[in-house]
Amino acid sequence: FDQGSGGGNAEAMERLILRLLSIDCVQRPSAAHVLENALFVAVRDVSKESARHCCVMASERCLQSKVPFDQGIECQCGHFTCRWCLVSHTRQSVTDDLRLREIREGKVMCPFYPTSCSSAALSDVALAFILPVPVFNFYLQARMELLESQKRLEIEGEMQAKITEEVERLLAMEQQQRQIMLARRHIEEEILQTRCPRQGCRQAFFDFDGCFAVKCCRCPCAFCAWCGADCGNDSHAHVAICPDKPPGADELFGTAEQYL
């Protein structure tokens, strides 16, 4: 605020704050009333006066005249982009080459980056304030998917490192120890653990819900939990008449003890 008013603004602000902190709800002003206070009106007037030229100039609205500062976003290097050009730029950033998006972690950079701008990425908070909700949600969803994909690759890399370490350890073991270990692992993972019967998949199945018509979560295979038969895309018909089903068992469902 203007300090040349002899402390008048400070006193007015103090009075307004005291009213906002009042325990009496009748004394507290409403949000609409506060926004009409002379102090906030002065801020809006300053914002209107601080109009800028859009650096992109790809919209009819910014071509015709300057744009109010609160209707755009400015990078650290001072490049101002109006909200209408920012919408187009954000959509373009989301559909950029995957390699570029990974380098930028899915963030939106200044339109002039990196040719004539070295600013950091535009903050998500600033984008949320300027962009329409559907556009911001579109950007946020794309960024989350990218980060999740990178996380999966990181986990796969860690898993591969563990596998390599395990292989090296096995190679260092004596032949007899190796045979015992392999036999034990085969029993645990292939015999005791239910898996998808398709050789190209072999996904482990953990979440038994009572139904013996099992659907693989990795491939389209549907199989019978009684006998392990691959039933194509639907195993319900087979489960109903499976010869491995014990006498008196339900047509489709069984207990956890029977499953184990």
Protein backbone atom coordinates (compact mmCIF):
# COMPACT_ATOMS: atom_id res chain seq x y z
CA PHE A 1 0.00 0.00 0.00
CA ASP A 2 0.99 3.60 -0.45
CA GLN A 3 3.05 4.65 2.56
CA GLY A 4 2.50 8.35 1.80
CA SER A 5 -0.94 8.35 3.31
CA GLY A 6 0.42 9.06 6.79
CA GLY A 7 -0.35 5.64 8.24
CA GLY A 8 -4.01 5.79 7.19
CA ASN A 9 -3.83 2.52 5.27
CA ALA A 10 -2.10 0.78 8.16
CA GLU A 11 -4.78 1.92 10.61
CA ALA A 12 -7.55 0.89 8.21
CA MET A 13 -5.94 -2.53 7.76
CA GLU A 14 -5.62 -2.95 11.54
CA ARG A 15 -9.30 -2.14 12.03
CA LEU A 16 -10.27 -4.61 9.29
CA ILE A 17 -8.13 -7.37 10.80
CA LEU A 18 -9.64 -6.82 14.25
CA ARG A 19 -13.13 -7.14 12.77
CA LEU A 20 -12.15 -10.34 10.93
CA LEU A 21 -10.81 -11.81 14.20
CA SER A 22 -13.90 -10.90 16.18
CA ILE A 23 -15.50 -13.84 18.03
CA ASP A 24 -18.88 -12.25 17.34
CA CYS A 25 -20.04 -13.50 13.92
CA VAL A 26 -22.26 -10.44 13.58
CA GLN A 27 -19.22 -8.16 13.83
CA ARG A 28 -17.18 -10.18 11.31
CA PRO A 29 -17.59 -8.89 7.72
CA SER A 30 -18.47 -11.28 4.91
CA ALA A 31 -15.96 -12.18 2.16
CA ALA A 32 -17.91 -10.09 -0.35
CA HIS A 33 -17.85 -7.11 2.00
CA VAL A 34 -14.09 -7.47 2.56
CA LEU A 35 -13.42 -7.51 -1.19
CA GLU A 36 -15.29 -4.22 -1.50
CA ASN A 37 -13.08 -2.62 1.15
CA ALA A 38 -11.06 0.32 -0.18
CA LEU A 39 -7.81 -1.51 0.57
CA PHE A 40 -8.68 -4.42 -1.72
CA VAL A 41 -10.17 -2.17 -4.38
CA ALA A 42 -6.84 -0.36 -4.46
CA VAL A 43 -5.02 -3.66 -5.07
CA ARG A 44 -7.36 -4.53 -7.96
CA ASP A 45 -6.84 -1.10 -9.47
CA VAL A 46 -3.07 -1.54 -9.35
CA SER A 47 -3.43 -4.95 -11.01
CA LYS A 48 -5.49 -3.45 -13.83
CA GLU A 49 -2.92 -0.75 -14.39
CA SER A 50 -0.09 -3.34 -14.58
CA ALA A 51 -1.01 -4.57 -18.05
CA ARG A 52 1.56 -6.42 -20.12
CA HIS A 53 2.18 -7.43 -23.71
CA CYS A 54 1.95 -11.20 -24.18
CA CYS A 55 5.25 -12.65 -25.42
CA VAL A 56 3.47 -15.31 -27.52
CA MET A 57 0.83 -13.13 -29.21
CA ALA A 58 -1.05 -16.14 -30.59
CA SER A 59 -4.51 -15.14 -29.41
CA GLU A 60 -6.79 -12.45 -30.81
CA ARG A 61 -7.31 -11.13 -27.29
CA CYS A 62 -3.64 -10.42 -26.64
CA LEU A 63 -3.07 -9.15 -30.19
CA GLN A 64 -5.60 -6.37 -29.75
CA SER A 65 -4.24 -4.85 -26.55
CA LYS A 66 -2.21 -5.36 -23.42
CA VAL A 67 -3.36 -7.98 -20.92
CA PRO A 68 -3.90 -7.33 -17.18
CA PHE A 69 -1.10 -8.87 -15.17
CA ASP A 70 -3.49 -11.12 -13.26
CA GLN A 71 -4.70 -12.60 -16.56
CA GLY A 72 -1.38 -14.25 -17.35
CA ILE A 73 1.80 -15.73 -15.95
CA GLU A 74 5.38 -14.45 -15.91
CA CYS A 75 8.52 -16.61 -15.84
CA GLN A 76 11.65 -15.77 -13.86
CA CYS A 77 13.18 -14.12 -16.92
CA GLY A 78 10.23 -11.74 -17.28
CA HIS A 79 8.45 -13.35 -20.24
CA PHE A 80 4.71 -12.74 -19.79
CA THR A 81 2.21 -15.20 -21.31
CA CYS A 82 -1.50 -14.40 -21.34
CA ARG A 83 -3.92 -17.05 -20.10
CA TRP A 84 -5.29 -17.78 -23.59
CA CYS A 85 -1.85 -18.44 -25.07
CA LEU A 86 -0.95 -20.36 -21.91
CA VAL A 87 -3.84 -22.76 -22.52
CA SER A 88 -2.51 -23.62 -25.99
CA HIS A 89 1.07 -23.82 -24.71
CA THR A 90 0.08 -26.16 -21.85
CA ARG A 91 -1.79 -28.51 -24.19
CA GLN A 92 1.21 -28.56 -26.51
CA SER A 93 3.58 -29.27 -23.60
CA VAL A 94 1.45 -32.22 -22.49
CA THR A 95 1.64 -33.78 -25.98
CA ASP A 96 5.33 -33.05 -26.58
CA ASP A 97 7.83 -35.80 -27.32
CA LEU A 98 8.03 -38.22 -24.38
CA ARG A 99 11.78 -37.72 -24.12
CA LEU A 100 11.35 -33.97 -23.63
CA ARG A 101 8.56 -34.47 -21.11
CA GLU A 102 10.72 -36.86 -19.08
CA ILE A 103 13.58 -34.32 -19.00
CA ARG A 104 11.15 -31.64 -17.77
CA GLU A 105 9.39 -34.09 -15.38
CA GLY A 106 6.13 -33.31 -17.16
CA LYS A 107 6.21 -29.64 -16.12
CA VAL A 108 5.30 -26.63 -18.27
CA MET A 109 8.21 -24.37 -19.18
CA CYS A 110 8.23 -20.80 -20.48
CA PRO A 111 7.30 -20.72 -24.21
CA PHE A 112 10.79 -19.32 -24.91
CA TYR A 113 12.59 -22.12 -23.03
CA PRO A 114 15.35 -23.11 -23.77
CA THR A 115 16.18 -20.92 -26.79
CA SER A 116 16.02 -17.53 -25.09
CA CYS A 117 14.89 -18.37 -21.55
CA SER A 118 16.62 -20.20 -18.72
CA SER A 119 13.82 -19.99 -16.16
CA ALA A 120 12.70 -22.87 -14.02
CA ALA A 121 9.40 -24.54 -14.84
CA LEU A 122 6.17 -22.66 -14.19
CA SER A 123 4.82 -23.69 -10.79
CA ASP A 124 1.73 -25.87 -10.51
CA VAL A 125 0.22 -23.33 -8.10
CA ALA A 126 0.54 -20.53 -10.66
CA LEU A 127 -0.87 -22.74 -13.41
CA ALA A 128 -3.83 -23.73 -11.22
CA PHE A 129 -4.61 -20.06 -10.62
CA ILE A 130 -4.53 -19.08 -14.31
CA LEU A 131 -5.64 -22.12 -16.32
CA PRO A 132 -9.28 -23.23 -16.69
CA VAL A 133 -10.02 -26.22 -14.46
CA PRO A 134 -10.38 -28.79 -17.33
CA VAL A 135 -7.05 -27.73 -18.85
CA PHE A 136 -5.23 -27.83 -15.51
CA ASN A 137 -6.70 -31.25 -14.70
CA PHE A 138 -5.61 -32.49 -18.15
CA TYR A 139 -2.07 -31.27 -17.47
CA LEU A 140 -2.01 -32.67 -13.92
CA GLN A 141 -3.28 -36.09 -15.02
CA ALA A 142 -0.65 -36.31 -17.77
CA ARG A 143 2.11 -35.33 -15.36
CA MET A 144 0.99 -37.86 -12.75
CA GLU A 145 0.93 -40.63 -15.38
CA LEU A 146 4.44 -39.69 -16.49
CA LEU A 147 5.80 -39.72 -12.93
CA GLU A 148 4.11 -43.06 -12.23
CA SER A 149 5.65 -44.51 -15.39
CA GLN A 150 9.10 -43.28 -14.33
CA LYS A 151 8.55 -44.80 -10.89
CA ARG A 152 7.64 -48.17 -12.44
CA LEU A 153 10.83 -48.10 -14.53
CA GLU A 154 12.81 -47.28 -11.39
CA ILE A 155 11.25 -50.22 -9.53
CA GLU A 156 11.90 -52.53 -12.48
CA GLY A 157 15.54 -51.39 -12.50
CA GLU A 158 15.86 -52.14 -8.79
CA MET A 159 14.25 -55.55 -9.32
CA GLN A 160 16.62 -56.34 -12.17
CA ALA A 161 19.58 -55.39 -9.94
CA LYS A 162 18.31 -57.77 -7.24
CA ILE A 163 17.90 -60.57 -9.80
CA THR A 164 21.45 -60.02 -11.06
CA GLU A 165 22.74 -60.09 -7.49
CA GLU A 166 20.84 -63.31 -6.81
CA VAL A 167 22.19 -64.95 -9.98
CA GLU A 168 25.73 -64.07 -8.98
CA ARG A 169 25.15 -65.52 -5.53
CA LEU A 170 23.76 -68.74 -6.98
CA LEU A 171 26.72 -69.14 -9.29
CA ALA A 172 29.02 -68.94 -6.29
CA MET A 173 27.19 -71.70 -4.42
CA GLU A 174 28.23 -75.31 -4.53
CA GLN A 175 26.34 -77.53 -6.96
CA GLN A 176 24.53 -79.45 -4.23
CA GLN A 177 23.40 -76.28 -2.42
CA ARG A 178 22.20 -74.86 -5.72
CA GLN A 179 20.10 -77.95 -6.47
CA ILE A 180 18.52 -77.86 -3.01
CA MET A 181 17.75 -74.16 -3.32
CA LEU A 182 16.24 -74.54 -6.79
CA ALA A 183 14.08 -77.46 -5.67
CA ARG A 184 12.81 -75.52 -2.66
CA ARG A 185 12.07 -72.43 -4.75
CA HIS A 186 10.25 -74.51 -7.36
CA ILE A 187 8.01 -75.98 -4.66
CA GLU A 188 7.29 -72.59 -3.11
CA GLU A 189 6.73 -70.63 -6.30
CA GLU A 190 5.37 -73.19 -8.78
CA ILE A 191 3.62 -75.85 -6.71
CA LEU A 192 2.38 -74.05 -3.60
CA GLN A 193 1.77 -70.71 -5.33
CA THR A 194 -1.16 -70.43 -7.73
CA ARG A 195 -0.02 -68.98 -11.05
CA CYS A 196 -1.46 -68.21 -14.45
CA PRO A 197 -1.13 -71.43 -16.51
CA ARG A 198 0.02 -69.64 -19.67
CA GLN A 199 3.76 -70.06 -20.13
CA GLY A 200 4.23 -66.54 -21.48
CA CYS A 201 2.67 -65.06 -18.33
CA ARG A 202 2.92 -67.17 -15.13
CA GLN A 203 1.55 -64.26 -13.05
CA ALA A 204 1.21 -65.16 -9.36
CA PHE A 205 -2.34 -65.04 -7.95
CA PHE A 206 -2.75 -63.80 -4.36
CA ASP A 207 -6.20 -62.21 -3.92
CA PHE A 208 -8.48 -65.23 -3.50
CA ASP A 209 -12.07 -64.04 -3.03
CA GLY A 210 -13.82 -67.41 -2.84
CA CYS A 211 -14.56 -67.87 -6.55
CA PHE A 212 -12.61 -70.68 -8.24
CA ALA A 213 -13.15 -69.12 -11.68
CA VAL A 214 -9.98 -67.05 -11.67
CA LYS A 215 -9.08 -64.23 -14.06
CA CYS A 216 -5.42 -63.34 -14.57
CA CYS A 217 -4.62 -59.68 -13.83
CA ARG A 218 -1.78 -59.63 -16.36
CA CYS A 219 -3.13 -61.44 -19.45
CA PRO A 220 -6.64 -62.35 -20.73
CA CYS A 221 -6.37 -65.91 -19.37
CA ALA A 222 -9.24 -67.29 -17.30
CA PHE A 223 -8.41 -70.51 -15.45
CA CYS A 224 -9.78 -73.00 -12.95
CA ALA A 225 -8.40 -72.82 -9.42
CA TRP A 226 -9.32 -76.49 -8.84
CA CYS A 227 -7.22 -78.03 -11.60
CA GLY A 228 -5.31 -75.06 -13.10
CA ALA A 229 -6.74 -75.55 -16.59
CA ASP A 230 -6.55 -72.63 -19.06
CA CYS A 231 -10.18 -71.97 -20.02
CA GLY A 232 -9.67 -69.19 -22.55
CA ASN A 233 -11.46 -65.98 -21.65
CA ASP A 234 -14.09 -67.44 -19.25
CA SER A 235 -13.63 -70.34 -16.82
CA HIS A 236 -17.04 -70.35 -15.11
CA ALA A 237 -18.49 -73.14 -17.26
CA HIS A 238 -15.47 -75.39 -16.62
CA VAL A 239 -15.34 -74.67 -12.86
CA ALA A 240 -18.98 -75.69 -12.55
CA ILE A 241 -18.17 -79.24 -13.77
CA CYS A 242 -14.46 -79.53 -12.94
CA PRO A 243 -13.61 -83.21 -12.20
CA ASP A 244 -11.01 -82.15 -9.58
CA LYS A 245 -13.68 -80.46 -7.47
CA PRO A 246 -14.29 -82.33 -4.20
CA PRO A 247 -17.72 -83.89 -3.59
CA GLY A 248 -20.26 -81.49 -2.12
CA ALA A 249 -18.36 -78.36 -3.22
CA ASP A 250 -20.28 -75.31 -4.47
CA GLU A 251 -20.73 -74.85 -8.21
CA LEU A 252 -18.31 -71.91 -8.36
CA PHE A 253 -17.15 -71.04 -4.84
CA GLY A 254 -14.96 -72.73 -2.28
CA THR A 255 -13.24 -72.04 1.02
CA ALA A 256 -9.77 -70.65 1.58
CA GLU A 257 -8.74 -74.02 3.04
CA GLN A 258 -9.84 -75.79 -0.17
CA TYR A 259 -7.98 -73.21 -2.26
CA LEU A 260 -4.75 -73.79 -0.34
